[in-house]
C-alpha cells in the first residue's frame, strides 16, 4: 500500500527512498520572503528593520548664524568689540583678520535686515552643508567672505573711495553663484524659487546702497569658481586641498591693492 503523502505514487518515508513529506499535524516549511525596503530621507533605500541613517545636521550653518547674531548685539551694546572686527579697507593690511571677521559683523543695520540675512544663510546652509560636508562648506564660506572683502579693498584703492562692507552679503550672493555652476542645468531651470530669491537679493543692492555691491560681486564670482571646482568631486570625497587654489585671486587682488 502506498503512502498517501508520497508525491506521484513514490514510496514514502521508510518505504525505500524518496524525500520525506510532512506528516499529519506538521506545518510545511515556509519559503523565505523577499526583503522589504524603506526609503531614507535623502532618497536612498535600506532594508526594513535596519536603522535609517540620519541626515547630517548643518552645524557650521548654525554656528555662523549664532556668531552673526551675537556680533549684531555687540554692535549695539559694545560697539568697541564690533569696531575691532568690522571690515575697513584702510586697515586691511595692518589688521588682516578684518578681511574675514568683517563678514560676521553687522553694524548700522536694523533687526529686520539681520533676520533676513540669517534666514538666507539658513536656507542656503541647510541645503549645501549636508551635501558638501562640514569642512568644505566652512572653507567655501570663508573664501566667499575673503573674496568680497578683497574686491572692496581693491576697488577702494583703484577709485580712491571708502566703502565699508558689512555682514554676509558676499556669502549670500556667493552661494547663488556656487549653485549655478554646481547644479545640473535641468534642475536649475525647474527651481523657480531659486531664481525668485536671487532676484530679491539683486533688488536689495538698490534698496540698501550702503552695502557695497562690490562685496556681493566678489562673493558671487568666487561662488562660481567654487561650484565649478566642487563638481569635480568623486564618490562624495572632500576637495579641501584643491579648494585652496581659490585663494590665488584673493591674494592677487590684495597684492595689486597694496602696490597702488
C-alpha atoms as a PDB file:
ATOM      1  CA  UNK A   1       0.000   0.000   0.000  1.00  0.00           C
ATOM      2  CA  UNK A   2       1.430   3.402  -0.991  1.00  0.00           C
ATOM      3  CA  UNK A   3       1.894   6.179   1.493  1.00  0.00           C
ATOM      4  CA  UNK A   4      -0.820   8.748   0.729  1.00  0.00           C
ATOM      5  CA  UNK A   5       1.675  11.569   1.435  1.00  0.00           C
ATOM      6  CA  UNK A   6       4.173  10.381  -1.142  1.00  0.00           C
ATOM      7  CA  UNK A   7       4.114  12.577  -4.275  1.00  0.00           C
ATOM      8  CA  UNK A   8       3.337  10.898  -7.587  1.00  0.00           C
ATOM      9  CA  UNK A   9       2.951   7.476  -6.040  1.00  0.00           C
ATOM     10  CA  UNK A  10       6.580   7.341  -4.892  1.00  0.00           C
ATOM     11  CA  UNK A  11       7.339   5.482  -1.696  1.00  0.00           C
ATOM     12  CA  UNK A  12       7.082   7.499   1.462  1.00  0.00           C
ATOM     13  CA  UNK A  13       9.463   7.545   4.402  1.00  0.00           C
ATOM     14  CA  UNK A  14      10.607   4.088   5.420  1.00  0.00           C
ATOM     15  CA  UNK A  15       9.443   2.575   2.121  1.00  0.00           C
ATOM     16  CA  UNK A  16      12.565   2.501   0.062  1.00  0.00           C
ATOM     17  CA  UNK A  17      13.758   6.050  -0.593  1.00  0.00           C
ATOM     18  CA  UNK A  18      12.189   9.316  -1.763  1.00  0.00           C
ATOM     19  CA  UNK A  19      12.145  12.628   0.060  1.00  0.00           C
ATOM     20  CA  UNK A  20      10.294  12.893   3.289  1.00  0.00           C
ATOM     21  CA  UNK A  21       6.919  14.661   3.153  1.00  0.00           C
ATOM     22  CA  UNK A  22       5.241  16.371   6.096  1.00  0.00           C
ATOM     23  CA  UNK A  23       3.221  14.088   8.266  1.00  0.00           C
ATOM     24  CA  UNK A  24      -0.213  14.821   9.674  1.00  0.00           C
ATOM     25  CA  UNK A  25      -0.208  17.835  12.017  1.00  0.00           C
ATOM     26  CA  UNK A  26       3.227  19.122  10.944  1.00  0.00           C
ATOM     27  CA  UNK A  27       3.425  22.570   9.325  1.00  0.00           C
ATOM     28  CA  UNK A  28       5.205  22.707   5.972  1.00  0.00           C
ATOM     29  CA  UNK A  29       8.433  24.724   5.800  1.00  0.00           C
ATOM     30  CA  UNK A  30       7.905  28.420   4.979  1.00  0.00           C
ATOM     31  CA  UNK A  31       9.537  29.847   1.887  1.00  0.00           C
ATOM     32  CA  UNK A  32      11.790  32.842   2.677  1.00  0.00           C
ATOM     33  CA  UNK A  33      10.067  36.100   1.834  1.00  0.00           C
ATOM     34  CA  UNK A  34      11.637  38.798  -0.299  1.00  0.00           C
ATOM     35  CA  UNK A  35      13.348  41.557   1.711  1.00  0.00           C
ATOM     36  CA  UNK A  36      11.357  44.729   2.222  1.00  0.00           C
ATOM     37  CA  UNK A  37      12.906  48.138   1.653  1.00  0.00           C
ATOM     38  CA  UNK A  38      12.136  51.582   3.006  1.00  0.00           C
ATOM     39  CA  UNK A  39      13.172  54.973   1.680  1.00  0.00           C
ATOM     40  CA  UNK A  40      15.554  57.187   3.629  1.00  0.00           C
ATOM     41  CA  UNK A  41      15.153  60.980   3.935  1.00  0.00           C
ATOM     42  CA  UNK A  42      17.938  61.570   1.391  1.00  0.00           C
ATOM     43  CA  UNK A  43      16.231  59.450  -1.276  1.00  0.00           C
ATOM     44  CA  UNK A  44      18.173  56.223  -0.686  1.00  0.00           C
ATOM     45  CA  UNK A  45      16.830  52.856   0.466  1.00  0.00           C
ATOM     46  CA  UNK A  46      17.684  50.496   3.310  1.00  0.00           C
ATOM     47  CA  UNK A  47      16.380  47.075   4.268  1.00  0.00           C
ATOM     48  CA  UNK A  48      13.329  47.183   6.525  1.00  0.00           C
ATOM     49  CA  UNK A  49      14.356  46.839  10.140  1.00  0.00           C
ATOM     50  CA  UNK A  50      17.740  48.420   9.552  1.00  0.00           C
ATOM     51  CA  UNK A  51      18.401  51.785  11.235  1.00  0.00           C
ATOM     52  CA  UNK A  52      17.748  54.708   8.900  1.00  0.00           C
ATOM     53  CA  UNK A  53      20.800  56.974   8.725  1.00  0.00           C
ATOM     54  CA  UNK A  54      20.117  60.488   9.902  1.00  0.00           C
ATOM     55  CA  UNK A  55      20.728  63.413   7.609  1.00  0.00           C
ATOM     56  CA  UNK A  56      23.820  65.359   8.717  1.00  0.00           C
ATOM     57  CA  UNK A  57      22.957  68.465  10.680  1.00  0.00           C
ATOM     58  CA  UNK A  58      24.235  71.814   9.301  1.00  0.00           C
ATOM     59  CA  UNK A  59      26.322  72.545  12.386  1.00  0.00           C
ATOM     60  CA  UNK A  60      28.566  75.118  10.698  1.00  0.00           C
ATOM     61  CA  UNK A  61      25.493  76.980   9.487  1.00  0.00           C
ATOM     62  CA  UNK A  62      24.074  77.194  12.994  1.00  0.00           C
ATOM     63  CA  UNK A  63      27.432  78.344  14.405  1.00  0.00           C
ATOM     64  CA  UNK A  64      27.914  81.181  11.891  1.00  0.00           C
ATOM     65  CA  UNK A  65      24.303  82.277  12.400  1.00  0.00           C
ATOM     66  CA  UNK A  66      24.916  82.465  16.149  1.00  0.00           C
ATOM     67  CA  UNK A  67      28.130  84.445  15.634  1.00  0.00           C
ATOM     68  CA  UNK A  68      26.381  86.914  13.316  1.00  0.00           C
ATOM     69  CA  UNK A  69      23.542  87.431  15.789  1.00  0.00           C
ATOM     70  CA  UNK A  70      25.928  87.846  18.741  1.00  0.00           C
ATOM     71  CA  UNK A  71      28.084  90.415  16.946  1.00  0.00           C
ATOM     72  CA  UNK A  72      24.975  92.368  15.939  1.00  0.00           C
ATOM     73  CA  UNK A  73      24.119  92.710  19.643  1.00  0.00           C
ATOM     74  CA  UNK A  74      27.720  93.696  20.354  1.00  0.00           C
ATOM     75  CA  UNK A  75      27.461  96.417  17.714  1.00  0.00           C
ATOM     76  CA  UNK A  76      24.621  97.937  19.787  1.00  0.00           C
ATOM     77  CA  UNK A  77      25.707  97.355  23.374  1.00  0.00           C
ATOM     78  CA  UNK A  78      29.501  97.032  22.967  1.00  0.00           C
ATOM     79  CA  UNK A  79      30.360  98.856  19.743  1.00  0.00           C
ATOM     80  CA  UNK A  80      34.081  98.788  20.514  1.00  0.00           C
ATOM     81  CA  UNK A  81      34.075  94.995  20.103  1.00  0.00           C
ATOM     82  CA  UNK A  82      32.321  95.103  16.737  1.00  0.00           C
ATOM     83  CA  UNK A  83      34.515  98.020  15.706  1.00  0.00           C
ATOM     84  CA  UNK A  84      37.634  95.932  16.229  1.00  0.00           C
ATOM     85  CA  UNK A  85      36.287  93.240  13.924  1.00  0.00           C
ATOM     86  CA  UNK A  86      34.415  95.030  11.150  1.00  0.00           C
ATOM     87  CA  UNK A  87      35.959  95.299   7.715  1.00  0.00           C
ATOM     88  CA  UNK A  88      37.831  98.526   6.967  1.00  0.00           C
ATOM     89  CA  UNK A  89      39.742  98.911   3.659  1.00  0.00           C
ATOM     90  CA  UNK A  90      42.279 101.232   5.297  1.00  0.00           C
ATOM     91  CA  UNK A  91      43.103  98.653   7.977  1.00  0.00           C
ATOM     92  CA  UNK A  92      43.023  95.550   5.770  1.00  0.00           C
ATOM     93  CA  UNK A  93      46.816  95.238   5.596  1.00  0.00           C
ATOM     94  CA  UNK A  94      47.736  96.231   9.136  1.00  0.00           C
ATOM     95  CA  UNK A  95      44.878  94.174  10.651  1.00  0.00           C
ATOM     96  CA  UNK A  96      44.251  91.400   8.087  1.00  0.00           C
ATOM     97  CA  UNK A  97      41.814  89.470  10.287  1.00  0.00           C
ATOM     98  CA  UNK A  98      39.213  92.051   9.351  1.00  0.00           C
ATOM     99  CA  UNK A  99      39.083  90.528   5.869  1.00  0.00           C
ATOM    100  CA  UNK A 100      37.309  87.538   7.452  1.00  0.00           C
ATOM    101  CA  UNK A 101      35.751  88.814  10.659  1.00  0.00           C
ATOM    102  CA  UNK A 102      34.075  91.637   8.759  1.00  0.00           C
ATOM    103  CA  UNK A 103      31.836  89.042   7.129  1.00  0.00           C
ATOM    104  CA  UNK A 104      30.290  88.283  10.522  1.00  0.00           C
ATOM    105  CA  UNK A 105      29.754  91.842  11.741  1.00  0.00           C
ATOM    106  CA  UNK A 106      26.551  93.787  11.121  1.00  0.00           C
ATOM    107  CA  UNK A 107      26.810  97.461  12.015  1.00  0.00           C
ATOM    108  CA  UNK A 108      24.180 100.142  11.468  1.00  0.00           C
ATOM    109  CA  UNK A 109      21.592  97.648  10.235  1.00  0.00           C
ATOM    110  CA  UNK A 110      18.082  97.035  11.508  1.00  0.00           C
ATOM    111  CA  UNK A 111      16.881  93.890  13.226  1.00  0.00           C
ATOM    112  CA  UNK A 112      14.821  93.123  10.118  1.00  0.00           C
ATOM    113  CA  UNK A 113      17.949  93.213   7.945  1.00  0.00           C
ATOM    114  CA  UNK A 114      19.728  90.874  10.356  1.00  0.00           C
ATOM    115  CA  UNK A 115      16.822  88.415  10.408  1.00  0.00           C
ATOM    116  CA  UNK A 116      16.638  88.422   6.620  1.00  0.00           C
ATOM    117  CA  UNK A 117      20.378  87.729   6.364  1.00  0.00           C
ATOM    118  CA  UNK A 118      20.181  84.908   8.910  1.00  0.00           C
ATOM    119  CA  UNK A 119      17.224  83.422   7.050  1.00  0.00           C
ATOM    120  CA  UNK A 120      19.186  83.414   3.803  1.00  0.00           C
ATOM    121  CA  UNK A 121      22.187  81.794   5.487  1.00  0.00           C
ATOM    122  CA  UNK A 122      19.908  79.140   6.974  1.00  0.00           C
ATOM    123  CA  UNK A 123      18.182  78.387   3.658  1.00  0.00           C
ATOM    124  CA  UNK A 124      21.469  78.005   1.809  1.00  0.00           C
ATOM    125  CA  UNK A 125      23.352  76.288   4.612  1.00  0.00           C
ATOM    126  CA  UNK A 126      20.794  73.573   5.322  1.00  0.00           C
ATOM    127  CA  UNK A 127      20.940  72.587   1.651  1.00  0.00           C
ATOM    128  CA  UNK A 128      24.648  72.961   0.949  1.00  0.00           C
ATOM    129  CA  UNK A 129      26.367  71.874   4.146  1.00  0.00           C
ATOM    130  CA  UNK A 130      24.988  68.292   4.230  1.00  0.00           C
ATOM    131  CA  UNK A 131      25.924  67.924   0.558  1.00  0.00           C
ATOM    132  CA  UNK A 132      29.429  69.386   0.793  1.00  0.00           C
ATOM    133  CA  UNK A 133      30.395  68.273   4.268  1.00  0.00           C
ATOM    134  CA  UNK A 134      31.276  70.458   7.221  1.00  0.00           C
ATOM    135  CA  UNK A 135      34.894  71.142   6.241  1.00  0.00           C
ATOM    136  CA  UNK A 136      34.307  72.028   2.600  1.00  0.00           C
ATOM    137  CA  UNK A 137      31.276  74.136   3.475  1.00  0.00           C
ATOM    138  CA  UNK A 138      33.222  76.105   6.084  1.00  0.00           C
ATOM    139  CA  UNK A 139      36.113  76.634   3.682  1.00  0.00           C
ATOM    140  CA  UNK A 140      33.771  77.849   0.938  1.00  0.00           C
ATOM    141  CA  UNK A 141      32.020  80.153   3.419  1.00  0.00           C
ATOM    142  CA  UNK A 142      35.303  81.788   4.433  1.00  0.00           C
ATOM    143  CA  UNK A 143      36.515  82.032   0.839  1.00  0.00           C
ATOM    144  CA  UNK A 144      33.353  83.881  -0.144  1.00  0.00           C
ATOM    145  CA  UNK A 145      33.874  86.379   2.671  1.00  0.00           C
ATOM    146  CA  UNK A 146      37.536  86.864   1.740  1.00  0.00           C
ATOM    147  CA  UNK A 147      36.696  87.390  -1.935  1.00  0.00           C
ATOM    148  CA  UNK A 148      34.091  90.018  -1.108  1.00  0.00           C
ATOM    149  CA  UNK A 149      36.455  91.870   1.229  1.00  0.00           C
ATOM    150  CA  UNK A 150      39.379  91.755  -1.208  1.00  0.00           C
ATOM    151  CA  UNK A 151      37.185  93.094  -4.020  1.00  0.00           C
ATOM    152  CA  UNK A 152      36.160  96.058  -1.865  1.00  0.00           C
ATOM    153  CA  UNK A 153      39.769  96.778  -0.874  1.00  0.00           C
ATOM    154  CA  UNK A 154      40.931  96.735  -4.492  1.00  0.00           C
ATOM    155  CA  UNK A 155      38.009  98.918  -5.625  1.00  0.00           C
ATOM    156  CA  UNK A 156      38.724 101.489  -2.923  1.00  0.00           C
ATOM    157  CA  UNK A 157      42.396 101.693  -3.894  1.00  0.00           C
ATOM    158  CA  UNK A 158      41.750 101.949  -7.634  1.00  0.00           C
ATOM    159  CA  UNK A 159      38.980 104.560  -7.456  1.00  0.00           C
ATOM    160  CA  UNK A 160      40.097 106.301  -4.248  1.00  0.00           C
ATOM    161  CA  UNK A 161      36.801 105.792  -2.439  1.00  0.00           C
ATOM    162  CA  UNK A 162      35.956 104.483   1.012  1.00  0.00           C
ATOM    163  CA  UNK A 163      33.472 101.639   1.383  1.00  0.00           C
ATOM    164  CA  UNK A 164      32.633  99.596   4.469  1.00  0.00           C
ATOM    165  CA  UNK A 165      31.375  96.090   3.644  1.00  0.00           C
ATOM    166  CA  UNK A 166      29.204  94.568   6.325  1.00  0.00           C
ATOM    167  CA  UNK A 167      27.740  91.179   7.084  1.00  0.00           C
ATOM    168  CA  UNK A 168      27.447  88.086   4.948  1.00  0.00           C
ATOM    169  CA  UNK A 169      26.398  89.742   1.682  1.00  0.00           C
ATOM    170  CA  UNK A 170      29.304  88.113  -0.148  1.00  0.00           C
ATOM    171  CA  UNK A 171      28.278  84.716   1.235  1.00  0.00           C
ATOM    172  CA  UNK A 172      24.633  85.051   0.260  1.00  0.00           C
ATOM    173  CA  UNK A 173      25.346  86.051  -3.334  1.00  0.00           C
ATOM    174  CA  UNK A 174      28.261  83.651  -3.457  1.00  0.00           C
ATOM    175  CA  UNK A 175      26.071  80.647  -2.697  1.00  0.00           C
ATOM    176  CA  UNK A 176      23.870  81.573  -5.652  1.00  0.00           C
ATOM    177  CA  UNK A 177      26.940  81.582  -7.874  1.00  0.00           C
ATOM    178  CA  UNK A 178      28.021  78.270  -6.403  1.00  0.00           C
ATOM    179  CA  UNK A 179      24.673  76.619  -7.139  1.00  0.00           C
ATOM    180  CA  UNK A 180      24.588  77.984 -10.688  1.00  0.00           C
ATOM    181  CA  UNK A 181      27.775  76.110 -11.594  1.00  0.00           C
ATOM    182  CA  UNK A 182      27.284  73.165  -9.228  1.00  0.00           C
ATOM    183  CA  UNK A 183      23.763  72.008 -10.083  1.00  0.00           C
ATOM    184  CA  UNK A 184      22.715  70.409 -13.387  1.00  0.00           C
ATOM    185  CA  UNK A 185      21.096  72.775 -15.886  1.00  0.00           C
ATOM    186  CA  UNK A 186      17.788  70.882 -15.952  1.00  0.00           C
ATOM    187  CA  UNK A 187      17.482  71.128 -12.191  1.00  0.00           C
ATOM    188  CA  UNK A 188      18.213  74.845 -12.218  1.00  0.00           C
ATOM    189  CA  UNK A 189      15.514  75.506 -14.815  1.00  0.00           C
ATOM    190  CA  UNK A 190      12.912  73.858 -12.598  1.00  0.00           C
ATOM    191  CA  UNK A 191      13.889  75.795  -9.452  1.00  0.00           C
ATOM    192  CA  UNK A 192      11.605  78.805  -9.747  1.00  0.00           C
ATOM    193  CA  UNK A 193      12.049  79.645  -6.063  1.00  0.00           C
ATOM    194  CA  UNK A 194      15.819  79.827  -6.521  1.00  0.00           C
ATOM    195  CA  UNK A 195      15.550  82.487  -9.232  1.00  0.00           C
ATOM    196  CA  UNK A 196      12.940  84.413  -7.250  1.00  0.00           C
ATOM    197  CA  UNK A 197      15.207  84.662  -4.216  1.00  0.00           C
ATOM    198  CA  UNK A 198      18.140  85.630  -6.445  1.00  0.00           C
ATOM    199  CA  UNK A 199      16.141  88.488  -7.976  1.00  0.00           C
ATOM    200  CA  UNK A 200      15.120  89.676  -4.490  1.00  0.00           C
ATOM    201  CA  UNK A 201      18.767  89.760  -3.411  1.00  0.00           C
ATOM    202  CA  UNK A 202      19.734  91.721  -6.511  1.00  0.00           C
ATOM    203  CA  UNK A 203      16.986  94.240  -5.802  1.00  0.00           C
ATOM    204  CA  UNK A 204      18.369  94.696  -2.296  1.00  0.00           C
ATOM    205  CA  UNK A 205      21.524  96.121  -3.883  1.00  0.00           C
ATOM    206  CA  UNK A 206      19.462  99.162  -4.856  1.00  0.00           C
ATOM    207  CA  UNK A 207      17.291  99.180  -1.732  1.00  0.00           C
ATOM    208  CA  UNK A 208      20.306  99.197   0.614  1.00  0.00           C
ATOM    209  CA  UNK A 209      23.034 101.151  -1.190  1.00  0.00           C
ATOM    210  CA  UNK A 210      25.213 101.341   1.941  1.00  0.00           C
ATOM    211  CA  UNK A 211      26.059  97.647   1.426  1.00  0.00           C
ATOM    212  CA  UNK A 212      28.704  97.773  -1.333  1.00  0.00           C
ATOM    213  CA  UNK A 213      27.718  95.864  -4.445  1.00  0.00           C
ATOM    214  CA  UNK A 214      31.436  95.205  -4.953  1.00  0.00           C
ATOM    215  CA  UNK A 215      31.311  92.944  -1.920  1.00  0.00           C
ATOM    216  CA  UNK A 216      28.435  90.990  -3.428  1.00  0.00           C
ATOM    217  CA  UNK A 217      30.165  90.787  -6.811  1.00  0.00           C
ATOM    218  CA  UNK A 218      33.361  89.370  -5.306  1.00  0.00           C
ATOM    219  CA  UNK A 219      31.417  86.715  -3.429  1.00  0.00           C
ATOM    220  CA  UNK A 220      29.343  85.828  -6.484  1.00  0.00           C
ATOM    221  CA  UNK A 221      32.405  85.316  -8.701  1.00  0.00           C
ATOM    222  CA  UNK A 222      34.099  83.226  -6.037  1.00  0.00           C
ATOM    223  CA  UNK A 223      30.935  81.136  -5.755  1.00  0.00           C
ATOM    224  CA  UNK A 224      31.001  80.447  -9.495  1.00  0.00           C
ATOM    225  CA  UNK A 225      34.590  79.228  -9.239  1.00  0.00           C
ATOM    226  CA  UNK A 226      33.913  77.138  -6.125  1.00  0.00           C
ATOM    227  CA  UNK A 227      30.884  75.477  -7.713  1.00  0.00           C
ATOM    228  CA  UNK A 228      32.887  74.526 -10.807  1.00  0.00           C
ATOM    229  CA  UNK A 229      35.599  73.010  -8.620  1.00  0.00           C
ATOM    230  CA  UNK A 230      33.161  71.130  -6.408  1.00  0.00           C
ATOM    231  CA  UNK A 231      31.583  69.474  -9.440  1.00  0.00           C
ATOM    232  CA  UNK A 232      34.858  67.621  -9.874  1.00  0.00           C
ATOM    233  CA  UNK A 233      34.393  65.751  -6.607  1.00  0.00           C
ATOM    234  CA  UNK A 234      34.161  61.982  -6.932  1.00  0.00           C
ATOM    235  CA  UNK A 235      32.455  59.470  -4.661  1.00  0.00           C
ATOM    236  CA  UNK A 236      31.488  62.156  -2.191  1.00  0.00           C
ATOM    237  CA  UNK A 237      35.089  62.908  -1.241  1.00  0.00           C
ATOM    238  CA  UNK A 238      36.038  66.320   0.005  1.00  0.00           C
ATOM    239  CA  UNK A 239      38.163  68.587  -2.155  1.00  0.00           C
ATOM    240  CA  UNK A 240      39.626  70.652   0.651  1.00  0.00           C
ATOM    241  CA  UNK A 241      43.157  70.579  -0.744  1.00  0.00           C
ATOM    242  CA  UNK A 242      42.037  71.669  -4.207  1.00  0.00           C
ATOM    243  CA  UNK A 243      39.893  74.438  -2.741  1.00  0.00           C
ATOM    244  CA  UNK A 244      42.978  76.303  -1.553  1.00  0.00           C
ATOM    245  CA  UNK A 245      43.689  77.290  -5.152  1.00  0.00           C
ATOM    246  CA  UNK A 246      40.774  79.712  -4.865  1.00  0.00           C
ATOM    247  CA  UNK A 247      42.916  81.811  -2.536  1.00  0.00           C
ATOM    248  CA  UNK A 248      45.027  82.805  -5.541  1.00  0.00           C
ATOM    249  CA  UNK A 249      42.641  85.500  -6.910  1.00  0.00           C
ATOM    250  CA  UNK A 250      42.091  86.830  -3.382  1.00  0.00           C
ATOM    251  CA  UNK A 251      45.821  87.203  -2.786  1.00  0.00           C
ATOM    252  CA  UNK A 252      46.345  88.768  -6.219  1.00  0.00           C
ATOM    253  CA  UNK A 253      43.685  91.418  -5.594  1.00  0.00           C
ATOM    254  CA  UNK A 254      45.242  92.291  -2.261  1.00  0.00           C
ATOM    255  CA  UNK A 255      48.744  92.457  -3.756  1.00  0.00           C
ATOM    256  CA  UNK A 256      47.580  94.798  -6.507  1.00  0.00           C
ATOM    257  CA  UNK A 257      45.771  96.950  -3.951  1.00  0.00           C
ATOM    258  CA  UNK A 258      48.906  97.102  -1.791  1.00  0.00           C
ATOM    259  CA  UNK A 259      51.011  98.299  -4.740  1.00  0.00           C
ATOM    260  CA  UNK A 260      48.645 101.144  -5.663  1.00  0.00           C
END
